[in-house]
All heavy atoms as atom14 arrays in JSON, in Angstrom:
{
  "sequence": "LMSACTVELPGRELPRRRPRSIAGWNAWAAERLAQLKRETVGAAHEDA",
  "atom14_mask": [
    [1, 1, 1, 1, 1, 1, 1, 1, 0, 0, 0, 0, 0, 0],
    [1, 1, 1, 1, 1, 1, 1, 1, 0, 0, 0, 0, 0, 0],
    [1, 1, 1, 1, 1, 1, 0, 0, 0, 0, 0, 0, 0, 0],
    [1, 1, 1, 1, 1, 0, 0, 0, 0, 0, 0, 0, 0, 0],
    [1, 1, 1, 1, 1, 1, 0, 0, 0, 0, 0, 0, 0, 0],
    [1, 1, 1, 1, 1, 1, 1, 0, 0, 0, 0, 0, 0, 0],
    [1, 1, 1, 1, 1, 1, 1, 0, 0, 0, 0, 0, 0, 0],
    [1, 1, 1, 1, 1, 1, 1, 1, 1, 0, 0, 0, 0, 0],
    [1, 1, 1, 1, 1, 1, 1, 1, 0, 0, 0, 0, 0, 0],
    [1, 1, 1, 1, 1, 1, 1, 0, 0, 0, 0, 0, 0, 0],
    [1, 1, 1, 1, 0, 0, 0, 0, 0, 0, 0, 0, 0, 0],
    [1, 1, 1, 1, 1, 1, 1, 1, 1, 1, 1, 0, 0, 0],
    [1, 1, 1, 1, 1, 1, 1, 1, 1, 0, 0, 0, 0, 0],
    [1, 1, 1, 1, 1, 1, 1, 1, 0, 0, 0, 0, 0, 0],
    [1, 1, 1, 1, 1, 1, 1, 0, 0, 0, 0, 0, 0, 0],
    [1, 1, 1, 1, 1, 1, 1, 1, 1, 1, 1, 0, 0, 0],
    [1, 1, 1, 1, 1, 1, 1, 1, 1, 1, 1, 0, 0, 0],
    [1, 1, 1, 1, 1, 1, 1, 1, 1, 1, 1, 0, 0, 0],
    [1, 1, 1, 1, 1, 1, 1, 0, 0, 0, 0, 0, 0, 0],
    [1, 1, 1, 1, 1, 1, 1, 1, 1, 1, 1, 0, 0, 0],
    [1, 1, 1, 1, 1, 1, 0, 0, 0, 0, 0, 0, 0, 0],
    [1, 1, 1, 1, 1, 1, 1, 1, 0, 0, 0, 0, 0, 0],
    [1, 1, 1, 1, 1, 0, 0, 0, 0, 0, 0, 0, 0, 0],
    [1, 1, 1, 1, 0, 0, 0, 0, 0, 0, 0, 0, 0, 0],
    [1, 1, 1, 1, 1, 1, 1, 1, 1, 1, 1, 1, 1, 1],
    [1, 1, 1, 1, 1, 1, 1, 1, 0, 0, 0, 0, 0, 0],
    [1, 1, 1, 1, 1, 0, 0, 0, 0, 0, 0, 0, 0, 0],
    [1, 1, 1, 1, 1, 1, 1, 1, 1, 1, 1, 1, 1, 1],
    [1, 1, 1, 1, 1, 0, 0, 0, 0, 0, 0, 0, 0, 0],
    [1, 1, 1, 1, 1, 0, 0, 0, 0, 0, 0, 0, 0, 0],
    [1, 1, 1, 1, 1, 1, 1, 1, 1, 0, 0, 0, 0, 0],
    [1, 1, 1, 1, 1, 1, 1, 1, 1, 1, 1, 0, 0, 0],
    [1, 1, 1, 1, 1, 1, 1, 1, 0, 0, 0, 0, 0, 0],
    [1, 1, 1, 1, 1, 0, 0, 0, 0, 0, 0, 0, 0, 0],
    [1, 1, 1, 1, 1, 1, 1, 1, 1, 0, 0, 0, 0, 0],
    [1, 1, 1, 1, 1, 1, 1, 1, 0, 0, 0, 0, 0, 0],
    [1, 1, 1, 1, 1, 1, 1, 1, 1, 0, 0, 0, 0, 0],
    [1, 1, 1, 1, 1, 1, 1, 1, 1, 1, 1, 0, 0, 0],
    [1, 1, 1, 1, 1, 1, 1, 1, 1, 0, 0, 0, 0, 0],
    [1, 1, 1, 1, 1, 1, 1, 0, 0, 0, 0, 0, 0, 0],
    [1, 1, 1, 1, 1, 1, 1, 0, 0, 0, 0, 0, 0, 0],
    [1, 1, 1, 1, 0, 0, 0, 0, 0, 0, 0, 0, 0, 0],
    [1, 1, 1, 1, 1, 0, 0, 0, 0, 0, 0, 0, 0, 0],
    [1, 1, 1, 1, 1, 0, 0, 0, 0, 0, 0, 0, 0, 0],
    [1, 1, 1, 1, 1, 1, 1, 1, 1, 1, 0, 0, 0, 0],
    [1, 1, 1, 1, 1, 1, 1, 1, 1, 0, 0, 0, 0, 0],
    [1, 1, 1, 1, 1, 1, 1, 1, 0, 0, 0, 0, 0, 0],
    [1, 1, 1, 1, 1, 0, 0, 0, 0, 0, 0, 0, 0, 0]
  ],
  "atom14_positions": [
    [[-17.6, -9.82, 8.14], [-17.5, -8.9, 7.02], [-16.46, -7.82, 7.3], [-15.6, -7.51, 6.45], [-18.87, -8.28, 6.76], [-19.1, -7.53, 5.47], [-18.72, -8.36, 4.27], [-20.56, -7.1, 5.36], [0.0, 0.0, 0.0], [0.0, 0.0, 0.0], [0.0, 0.0, 0.0], [0.0, 0.0, 0.0], [0.0, 0.0, 0.0], [0.0, 0.0, 0.0]],
    [[-16.5, -7.25, 8.51], [-15.52, -6.23, 8.87], [-14.11, -6.81, 8.92], [-13.14, -6.19, 8.48], [-15.9, -5.57, 10.19], [-17.12, -4.67, 10.08], [-17.4, -3.65, 11.53], [-17.79, -4.88, 12.76], [0.0, 0.0, 0.0], [0.0, 0.0, 0.0], [0.0, 0.0, 0.0], [0.0, 0.0, 0.0], [0.0, 0.0, 0.0], [0.0, 0.0, 0.0]],
    [[-13.99, -8.02, 9.45], [-12.69, -8.68, 9.53], [-12.12, -8.93, 8.14], [-10.93, -8.73, 7.89], [-12.83, -9.99, 10.3], [-11.62, -10.69, 10.32], [0.0, 0.0, 0.0], [0.0, 0.0, 0.0], [0.0, 0.0, 0.0], [0.0, 0.0, 0.0], [0.0, 0.0, 0.0], [0.0, 0.0, 0.0], [0.0, 0.0, 0.0], [0.0, 0.0, 0.0]],
    [[-12.97, -9.37, 7.21], [-12.52, -9.67, 5.85], [-12.06, -8.41, 5.12], [-11.22, -8.48, 4.22], [-13.65, -10.34, 5.06], [0.0, 0.0, 0.0], [0.0, 0.0, 0.0], [0.0, 0.0, 0.0], [0.0, 0.0, 0.0], [0.0, 0.0, 0.0], [0.0, 0.0, 0.0], [0.0, 0.0, 0.0], [0.0, 0.0, 0.0], [0.0, 0.0, 0.0]],
    [[-12.59, -7.26, 5.52], [-12.24, -6.01, 4.85], [-11.12, -5.25, 5.55], [-10.69, -4.19, 5.08], [-13.48, -5.12, 4.75], [-14.73, -5.78, 3.65], [0.0, 0.0, 0.0], [0.0, 0.0, 0.0], [0.0, 0.0, 0.0], [0.0, 0.0, 0.0], [0.0, 0.0, 0.0], [0.0, 0.0, 0.0], [0.0, 0.0, 0.0], [0.0, 0.0, 0.0]],
    [[-10.64, -5.78, 6.66], [-9.55, -5.13, 7.39], [-8.27, -5.14, 6.54], [-7.98, -6.1, 5.84], [-9.31, -5.86, 8.73], [-10.46, -5.68, 9.55], [-8.09, -5.32, 9.45], [0.0, 0.0, 0.0], [0.0, 0.0, 0.0], [0.0, 0.0, 0.0], [0.0, 0.0, 0.0], [0.0, 0.0, 0.0], [0.0, 0.0, 0.0], [0.0, 0.0, 0.0]],
    [[-7.54, -4.04, 6.62], [-6.3, -3.89, 5.85], [-5.13, -3.74, 6.82], [-5.2, -2.93, 7.75], [-6.37, -2.65, 4.93], [-5.02, -2.38, 4.28], [-7.45, -2.82, 3.88], [0.0, 0.0, 0.0], [0.0, 0.0, 0.0], [0.0, 0.0, 0.0], [0.0, 0.0, 0.0], [0.0, 0.0, 0.0], [0.0, 0.0, 0.0], [0.0, 0.0, 0.0]],
    [[-4.09, -4.52, 6.62], [-2.87, -4.37, 7.42], [-1.7, -4.05, 6.5], [-1.51, -4.71, 5.48], [-2.57, -5.66, 8.2], [-3.42, -5.83, 9.43], [-2.93, -6.95, 10.34], [-1.89, -7.56, 10.02], [-3.58, -7.21, 11.35], [0.0, 0.0, 0.0], [0.0, 0.0, 0.0], [0.0, 0.0, 0.0], [0.0, 0.0, 0.0], [0.0, 0.0, 0.0]],
    [[-0.94, -3.03, 6.87], [0.23, -2.64, 6.08], [1.48, -2.71, 6.96], [1.49, -2.11, 8.04], [0.06, -1.24, 5.52], [-1.01, -1.07, 4.44], [-1.22, 0.39, 4.11], [-0.63, -1.85, 3.19], [0.0, 0.0, 0.0], [0.0, 0.0, 0.0], [0.0, 0.0, 0.0], [0.0, 0.0, 0.0], [0.0, 0.0, 0.0], [0.0, 0.0, 0.0]],
    [[2.52, -3.41, 6.51], [3.76, -3.5, 7.29], [4.51, -2.18, 7.26], [4.38, -1.39, 6.3], [4.54, -4.61, 6.59], [4.01, -4.63, 5.2], [2.58, -4.2, 5.28], [0.0, 0.0, 0.0], [0.0, 0.0, 0.0], [0.0, 0.0, 0.0], [0.0, 0.0, 0.0], [0.0, 0.0, 0.0], [0.0, 0.0, 0.0], [0.0, 0.0, 0.0]],
    [[5.3, -1.95, 8.28], [6.04, -0.7, 8.42], [6.89, -0.36, 7.23], [7.02, 0.81, 6.85], [0.0, 0.0, 0.0], [0.0, 0.0, 0.0], [0.0, 0.0, 0.0], [0.0, 0.0, 0.0], [0.0, 0.0, 0.0], [0.0, 0.0, 0.0], [0.0, 0.0, 0.0], [0.0, 0.0, 0.0], [0.0, 0.0, 0.0], [0.0, 0.0, 0.0]],
    [[7.49, -1.38, 6.58], [8.38, -1.1, 5.44], [7.64, -0.48, 4.26], [8.25, 0.11, 3.38], [9.09, -2.38, 5.0], [8.19, -3.44, 4.43], [8.96, -4.7, 4.02], [8.05, -5.71, 3.5], [7.38, -6.56, 4.23], [7.5, -6.53, 5.56], [6.57, -7.46, 3.68], [0.0, 0.0, 0.0], [0.0, 0.0, 0.0], [0.0, 0.0, 0.0]],
    [[6.31, -0.61, 4.24], [5.52, -0.06, 3.14], [4.92, 1.3, 3.49], [4.3, 1.93, 2.64], [4.38, -1.02, 2.77], [4.85, -2.36, 2.25], [5.62, -2.25, 0.94], [5.46, -1.23, 0.25], [6.37, -3.18, 0.62], [0.0, 0.0, 0.0], [0.0, 0.0, 0.0], [0.0, 0.0, 0.0], [0.0, 0.0, 0.0], [0.0, 0.0, 0.0]],
    [[5.06, 1.73, 4.72], [4.38, 2.96, 5.17], [5.23, 4.2, 4.9], [6.46, 4.13, 4.9], [4.08, 2.85, 6.67], [3.12, 1.73, 7.06], [3.07, 1.57, 8.56], [1.73, 1.99, 6.51], [0.0, 0.0, 0.0], [0.0, 0.0, 0.0], [0.0, 0.0, 0.0], [0.0, 0.0, 0.0], [0.0, 0.0, 0.0], [0.0, 0.0, 0.0]],
    [[4.58, 5.33, 4.67], [5.34, 6.57, 4.45], [5.98, 7.06, 5.74], [5.51, 6.74, 6.84], [4.25, 7.55, 3.97], [3.0, 7.06, 4.62], [3.13, 5.56, 4.65], [0.0, 0.0, 0.0], [0.0, 0.0, 0.0], [0.0, 0.0, 0.0], [0.0, 0.0, 0.0], [0.0, 0.0, 0.0], [0.0, 0.0, 0.0], [0.0, 0.0, 0.0]],
    [[7.06, 7.82, 5.62], [7.72, 8.34, 6.82], [6.8, 9.3, 7.57], [6.68, 9.26, 8.78], [9.02, 9.04, 6.45], [10.1, 8.07, 6.03], [11.43, 8.76, 5.85], [12.44, 7.8, 5.42], [13.69, 8.12, 5.18], [14.08, 9.38, 5.3], [14.55, 7.2, 4.8], [0.0, 0.0, 0.0], [0.0, 0.0, 0.0], [0.0, 0.0, 0.0]],
    [[6.17, 10.19, 6.8], [5.21, 11.12, 7.41], [3.83, 10.54, 7.2], [3.31, 10.52, 6.09], [5.33, 12.51, 6.78], [6.66, 13.17, 7.06], [6.67, 14.59, 6.58], [5.68, 15.4, 7.31], [5.44, 16.67, 7.06], [6.07, 17.28, 6.09], [4.55, 17.33, 7.75], [0.0, 0.0, 0.0], [0.0, 0.0, 0.0], [0.0, 0.0, 0.0]],
    [[3.26, 10.04, 8.27], [2.0, 9.32, 8.16], [0.81, 10.28, 8.16], [0.75, 11.22, 8.97], [1.88, 8.32, 9.3], [2.98, 7.27, 9.17], [2.93, 6.21, 10.19], [4.04, 5.28, 9.98], [4.34, 4.29, 10.78], [3.62, 4.06, 11.85], [5.36, 3.49, 10.51], [0.0, 0.0, 0.0], [0.0, 0.0, 0.0], [0.0, 0.0, 0.0]],
    [[-0.13, 10.08, 7.27], [-1.31, 10.94, 7.22], [-2.07, 10.94, 8.55], [-2.02, 9.97, 9.32], [-2.16, 10.3, 6.11], [-1.18, 9.56, 5.27], [-0.13, 9.05, 6.22], [0.0, 0.0, 0.0], [0.0, 0.0, 0.0], [0.0, 0.0, 0.0], [0.0, 0.0, 0.0], [0.0, 0.0, 0.0], [0.0, 0.0, 0.0], [0.0, 0.0, 0.0]],
    [[-2.8, 12.02, 8.79], [-3.55, 12.15, 10.04], [-5.05, 11.98, 9.84], [-5.81, 12.06, 10.79], [-3.27, 13.52, 10.67], [-1.82, 13.68, 11.09], [-1.58, 15.08, 11.64], [-0.21, 15.23, 12.09], [0.18, 15.06, 13.34], [-0.69, 14.73, 14.26], [1.43, 15.23, 13.68], [0.0, 0.0, 0.0], [0.0, 0.0, 0.0], [0.0, 0.0, 0.0]],
    [[-5.47, 11.76, 8.6], [-6.9, 11.57, 8.32], [-7.07, 10.42, 7.35], [-6.12, 10.05, 6.64], [-7.5, 12.85, 7.73], [-6.97, 13.06, 6.43], [0.0, 0.0, 0.0], [0.0, 0.0, 0.0], [0.0, 0.0, 0.0], [0.0, 0.0, 0.0], [0.0, 0.0, 0.0], [0.0, 0.0, 0.0], [0.0, 0.0, 0.0], [0.0, 0.0, 0.0]],
    [[-8.27, 9.89, 7.29], [-8.52, 8.78, 6.36], [-8.42, 9.28, 4.92], [-7.97, 8.55, 4.03], [-9.88, 8.09, 6.64], [-9.9, 6.69, 5.99], [-11.03, 8.94, 6.18], [-8.94, 5.7, 6.56], [0.0, 0.0, 0.0], [0.0, 0.0, 0.0], [0.0, 0.0, 0.0], [0.0, 0.0, 0.0], [0.0, 0.0, 0.0], [0.0, 0.0, 0.0]],
    [[-8.79, 10.54, 4.7], [-8.66, 11.11, 3.34], [-7.18, 11.16, 2.94], [-6.83, 10.91, 1.78], [-9.28, 12.5, 3.29], [0.0, 0.0, 0.0], [0.0, 0.0, 0.0], [0.0, 0.0, 0.0], [0.0, 0.0, 0.0], [0.0, 0.0, 0.0], [0.0, 0.0, 0.0], [0.0, 0.0, 0.0], [0.0, 0.0, 0.0], [0.0, 0.0, 0.0]],
    [[-6.32, 11.47, 3.9], [-4.88, 11.48, 3.64], [-4.36, 10.09, 3.31], [-3.54, 9.9, 2.4], [0.0, 0.0, 0.0], [0.0, 0.0, 0.0], [0.0, 0.0, 0.0], [0.0, 0.0, 0.0], [0.0, 0.0, 0.0], [0.0, 0.0, 0.0], [0.0, 0.0, 0.0], [0.0, 0.0, 0.0], [0.0, 0.0, 0.0], [0.0, 0.0, 0.0]],
    [[-4.86, 9.09, 4.04], [-4.47, 7.71, 3.75], [-4.99, 7.26, 2.39], [-4.3, 6.55, 1.66], [-4.98, 6.77, 4.85], [-4.14, 6.79, 6.1], [-4.49, 7.29, 7.32], [-2.81, 6.27, 6.24], [-3.45, 7.13, 8.2], [-2.42, 6.5, 7.57], [-1.91, 5.64, 5.38], [-1.17, 6.11, 8.07], [-0.68, 5.26, 5.86], [-0.31, 5.49, 7.18]],
    [[-6.21, 7.7, 2.05], [-6.76, 7.38, 0.71], [-5.83, 7.89, -0.38], [-5.5, 7.15, -1.33], [-8.13, 8.03, 0.51], [-9.24, 7.47, 1.38], [-10.18, 8.18, 1.7], [-9.15, 6.23, 1.77], [0.0, 0.0, 0.0], [0.0, 0.0, 0.0], [0.0, 0.0, 0.0], [0.0, 0.0, 0.0], [0.0, 0.0, 0.0], [0.0, 0.0, 0.0]],
    [[-5.43, 9.15, -0.26], [-4.59, 9.77, -1.28], [-3.23, 9.07, -1.35], [-2.72, 8.8, -2.45], [-4.42, 11.26, -0.97], [0.0, 0.0, 0.0], [0.0, 0.0, 0.0], [0.0, 0.0, 0.0], [0.0, 0.0, 0.0], [0.0, 0.0, 0.0], [0.0, 0.0, 0.0], [0.0, 0.0, 0.0], [0.0, 0.0, 0.0], [0.0, 0.0, 0.0]],
    [[-2.64, 8.78, -0.18], [-1.34, 8.1, -0.18], [-1.46, 6.71, -0.82], [-0.62, 6.32, -1.63], [-0.81, 7.97, 1.26], [0.38, 7.07, 1.3], [1.67, 7.4, 0.96], [0.38, 5.68, 1.63], [2.48, 6.28, 1.07], [1.73, 5.22, 1.48], [-0.59, 4.78, 2.03], [2.09, 3.9, 1.72], [-0.23, 3.46, 2.29], [1.09, 3.03, 2.13]],
    [[-2.52, 5.97, -0.45], [-2.69, 4.61, -0.99], [-2.87, 4.65, -2.51], [-2.3, 3.81, -3.23], [-3.9, 3.94, -0.33], [0.0, 0.0, 0.0], [0.0, 0.0, 0.0], [0.0, 0.0, 0.0], [0.0, 0.0, 0.0], [0.0, 0.0, 0.0], [0.0, 0.0, 0.0], [0.0, 0.0, 0.0], [0.0, 0.0, 0.0], [0.0, 0.0, 0.0]],
    [[-3.62, 5.62, -3.01], [-3.83, 5.73, -4.46], [-2.51, 6.03, -5.18], [-2.22, 5.45, -6.24], [-4.86, 6.83, -4.75], [0.0, 0.0, 0.0], [0.0, 0.0, 0.0], [0.0, 0.0, 0.0], [0.0, 0.0, 0.0], [0.0, 0.0, 0.0], [0.0, 0.0, 0.0], [0.0, 0.0, 0.0], [0.0, 0.0, 0.0], [0.0, 0.0, 0.0]],
    [[-1.72, 6.93, -4.59], [-0.43, 7.29, -5.2], [0.54, 6.1, -5.17], [1.2, 5.79, -6.17], [0.17, 8.47, -4.42], [1.45, 9.02, -5.01], [1.97, 10.2, -4.2], [1.15, 11.04, -3.77], [3.2, 10.27, -4.01], [0.0, 0.0, 0.0], [0.0, 0.0, 0.0], [0.0, 0.0, 0.0], [0.0, 0.0, 0.0], [0.0, 0.0, 0.0]],
    [[0.59, 5.41, -4.03], [1.5, 4.25, -3.89], [1.05, 3.11, -4.81], [1.88, 2.42, -5.41], [1.51, 3.78, -2.43], [2.42, 2.6, -2.16], [3.88, 2.98, -2.26], [4.73, 1.86, -1.93], [5.66, 1.36, -2.75], [5.87, 1.92, -3.92], [6.39, 0.33, -2.37], [0.0, 0.0, 0.0], [0.0, 0.0, 0.0], [0.0, 0.0, 0.0]],
    [[-0.24, 2.94, -4.95], [-0.79, 1.89, -5.82], [-0.39, 2.16, -7.28], [0.06, 1.25, -7.99], [-2.31, 1.85, -5.68], [-3.06, 0.74, -6.41], [-2.64, -0.63, -5.93], [-4.57, 0.93, -6.21], [0.0, 0.0, 0.0], [0.0, 0.0, 0.0], [0.0, 0.0, 0.0], [0.0, 0.0, 0.0], [0.0, 0.0, 0.0], [0.0, 0.0, 0.0]],
    [[-0.55, 3.39, -7.7], [-0.19, 3.76, -9.08], [1.3, 3.55, -9.31], [1.73, 3.07, -10.37], [-0.58, 5.21, -9.34], [0.0, 0.0, 0.0], [0.0, 0.0, 0.0], [0.0, 0.0, 0.0], [0.0, 0.0, 0.0], [0.0, 0.0, 0.0], [0.0, 0.0, 0.0], [0.0, 0.0, 0.0], [0.0, 0.0, 0.0], [0.0, 0.0, 0.0]],
    [[2.11, 3.91, -8.31], [3.57, 3.74, -8.42], [3.94, 2.27, -8.58], [4.74, 1.9, -9.44], [4.23, 4.33, -7.17], [5.73, 4.19, -7.14], [6.32, 4.65, -5.81], [5.59, 4.93, -4.86], [7.63, 4.72, -5.75], [0.0, 0.0, 0.0], [0.0, 0.0, 0.0], [0.0, 0.0, 0.0], [0.0, 0.0, 0.0], [0.0, 0.0, 0.0]],
    [[3.33, 1.4, -7.76], [3.63, -0.03, -7.83], [3.2, -0.63, -9.16], [3.88, -1.5, -9.71], [2.95, -0.76, -6.68], [3.6, -0.65, -5.3], [2.72, -1.28, -4.24], [4.98, -1.3, -5.29], [0.0, 0.0, 0.0], [0.0, 0.0, 0.0], [0.0, 0.0, 0.0], [0.0, 0.0, 0.0], [0.0, 0.0, 0.0], [0.0, 0.0, 0.0]],
    [[2.09, -0.17, -9.68], [1.6, -0.69, -10.96], [2.51, -0.31, -12.12], [2.58, -1.01, -13.12], [0.17, -0.21, -11.22], [-0.86, -0.93, -10.36], [-2.26, -0.44, -10.67], [-3.31, -1.23, -9.9], [-4.68, -0.74, -10.15], [0.0, 0.0, 0.0], [0.0, 0.0, 0.0], [0.0, 0.0, 0.0], [0.0, 0.0, 0.0], [0.0, 0.0, 0.0]],
    [[3.2, 0.83, -11.99], [4.12, 1.27, -13.04], [5.43, 0.48, -13.02], [6.11, 0.38, -14.03], [4.44, 2.77, -12.89], [3.31, 3.69, -13.32], [3.79, 5.12, -13.43], [4.37, 5.63, -12.19], [3.69, 6.3, -11.26], [2.38, 6.53, -11.43], [4.28, 6.73, -10.18], [0.0, 0.0, 0.0], [0.0, 0.0, 0.0], [0.0, 0.0, 0.0]],
    [[5.77, -0.06, -11.85], [7.03, -0.79, -11.72], [6.95, -2.12, -12.46], [5.95, -2.83, -12.39], [7.35, -1.05, -10.24], [7.67, 0.22, -9.46], [7.89, -0.06, -7.99], [7.84, -1.25, -7.58], [8.11, 0.9, -7.23], [0.0, 0.0, 0.0], [0.0, 0.0, 0.0], [0.0, 0.0, 0.0], [0.0, 0.0, 0.0], [0.0, 0.0, 0.0]],
    [[8.02, -2.44, -13.16], [8.06, -3.73, -13.85], [8.5, -4.8, -12.88], [9.36, -4.58, -12.03], [9.04, -3.67, -15.03], [10.32, -3.28, -14.55], [8.55, -2.71, -16.09], [0.0, 0.0, 0.0], [0.0, 0.0, 0.0], [0.0, 0.0, 0.0], [0.0, 0.0, 0.0], [0.0, 0.0, 0.0], [0.0, 0.0, 0.0], [0.0, 0.0, 0.0]],
    [[7.9, -5.97, -13.01], [8.22, -7.08, -12.12], [8.81, -8.19, -12.96], [8.2, -8.66, -13.92], [6.95, -7.59, -11.4], [7.3, -8.74, -10.48], [6.3, -6.45, -10.63], [0.0, 0.0, 0.0], [0.0, 0.0, 0.0], [0.0, 0.0, 0.0], [0.0, 0.0, 0.0], [0.0, 0.0, 0.0], [0.0, 0.0, 0.0], [0.0, 0.0, 0.0]],
    [[10.03, -8.59, -12.6], [10.69, -9.68, -13.32], [10.16, -11.02, -12.86], [9.1, -11.13, -12.24], [0.0, 0.0, 0.0], [0.0, 0.0, 0.0], [0.0, 0.0, 0.0], [0.0, 0.0, 0.0], [0.0, 0.0, 0.0], [0.0, 0.0, 0.0], [0.0, 0.0, 0.0], [0.0, 0.0, 0.0], [0.0, 0.0, 0.0], [0.0, 0.0, 0.0]],
    [[10.91, -12.05, -13.17], [10.52, -13.41, -12.77], [10.84, -13.6, -11.3], [11.78, -14.32, -10.93], [11.26, -14.43, -13.64], [0.0, 0.0, 0.0], [0.0, 0.0, 0.0], [0.0, 0.0, 0.0], [0.0, 0.0, 0.0], [0.0, 0.0, 0.0], [0.0, 0.0, 0.0], [0.0, 0.0, 0.0], [0.0, 0.0, 0.0], [0.0, 0.0, 0.0]],
    [[10.11, -12.89, -10.48], [10.35, -12.94, -9.03], [9.91, -14.29, -8.47], [9.16, -15.03, -9.08], [9.6, -11.8, -8.35], [0.0, 0.0, 0.0], [0.0, 0.0, 0.0], [0.0, 0.0, 0.0], [0.0, 0.0, 0.0], [0.0, 0.0, 0.0], [0.0, 0.0, 0.0], [0.0, 0.0, 0.0], [0.0, 0.0, 0.0], [0.0, 0.0, 0.0]],
    [[10.39, -14.54, -7.27], [10.0, -15.75, -6.56], [8.5, -15.72, -6.29], [7.91, -14.65, -6.15], [10.78, -15.81, -5.24], [10.65, -17.11, -4.53], [9.67, -17.36, -3.63], [11.39, -18.25, -4.62], [9.79, -18.59, -3.17], [10.84, -19.15, -3.75], [0.0, 0.0, 0.0], [0.0, 0.0, 0.0], [0.0, 0.0, 0.0], [0.0, 0.0, 0.0]],
    [[7.87, -16.89, -6.21], [6.41, -16.95, -6.03], [5.97, -16.24, -4.77], [4.94, -15.56, -4.76], [5.96, -18.42, -6.01], [4.45, -18.56, -5.97], [4.0, -20.01, -6.02], [4.8, -20.86, -6.47], [2.86, -20.27, -5.62], [0.0, 0.0, 0.0], [0.0, 0.0, 0.0], [0.0, 0.0, 0.0], [0.0, 0.0, 0.0], [0.0, 0.0, 0.0]],
    [[6.73, -16.37, -3.68], [6.38, -15.69, -2.42], [6.37, -14.18, -2.61], [5.51, -13.48, -2.09], [7.37, -16.07, -1.31], [7.12, -17.46, -0.77], [6.04, -18.03, -1.08], [7.99, -17.99, -0.05], [0.0, 0.0, 0.0], [0.0, 0.0, 0.0], [0.0, 0.0, 0.0], [0.0, 0.0, 0.0], [0.0, 0.0, 0.0], [0.0, 0.0, 0.0]],
    [[7.37, -13.68, -3.34], [7.46, -12.23, -3.58], [6.28, -11.76, -4.42], [5.7, -10.7, -4.15], [8.77, -11.9, -4.28], [0.0, 0.0, 0.0], [0.0, 0.0, 0.0], [0.0, 0.0, 0.0], [0.0, 0.0, 0.0], [0.0, 0.0, 0.0], [0.0, 0.0, 0.0], [0.0, 0.0, 0.0], [0.0, 0.0, 0.0], [0.0, 0.0, 0.0]]
  ]
}
């Protein structure tokens, strides 16, 4: 169960100034998630 819920983020997706608390990571993830959802996605490759 813990393994299935583990989250890995590659360096290219991480902020330059990394949060120091889980609350900070929560806020950053929510902001980044909203940003990505606003972005339009064209007919990208299936892997992308």
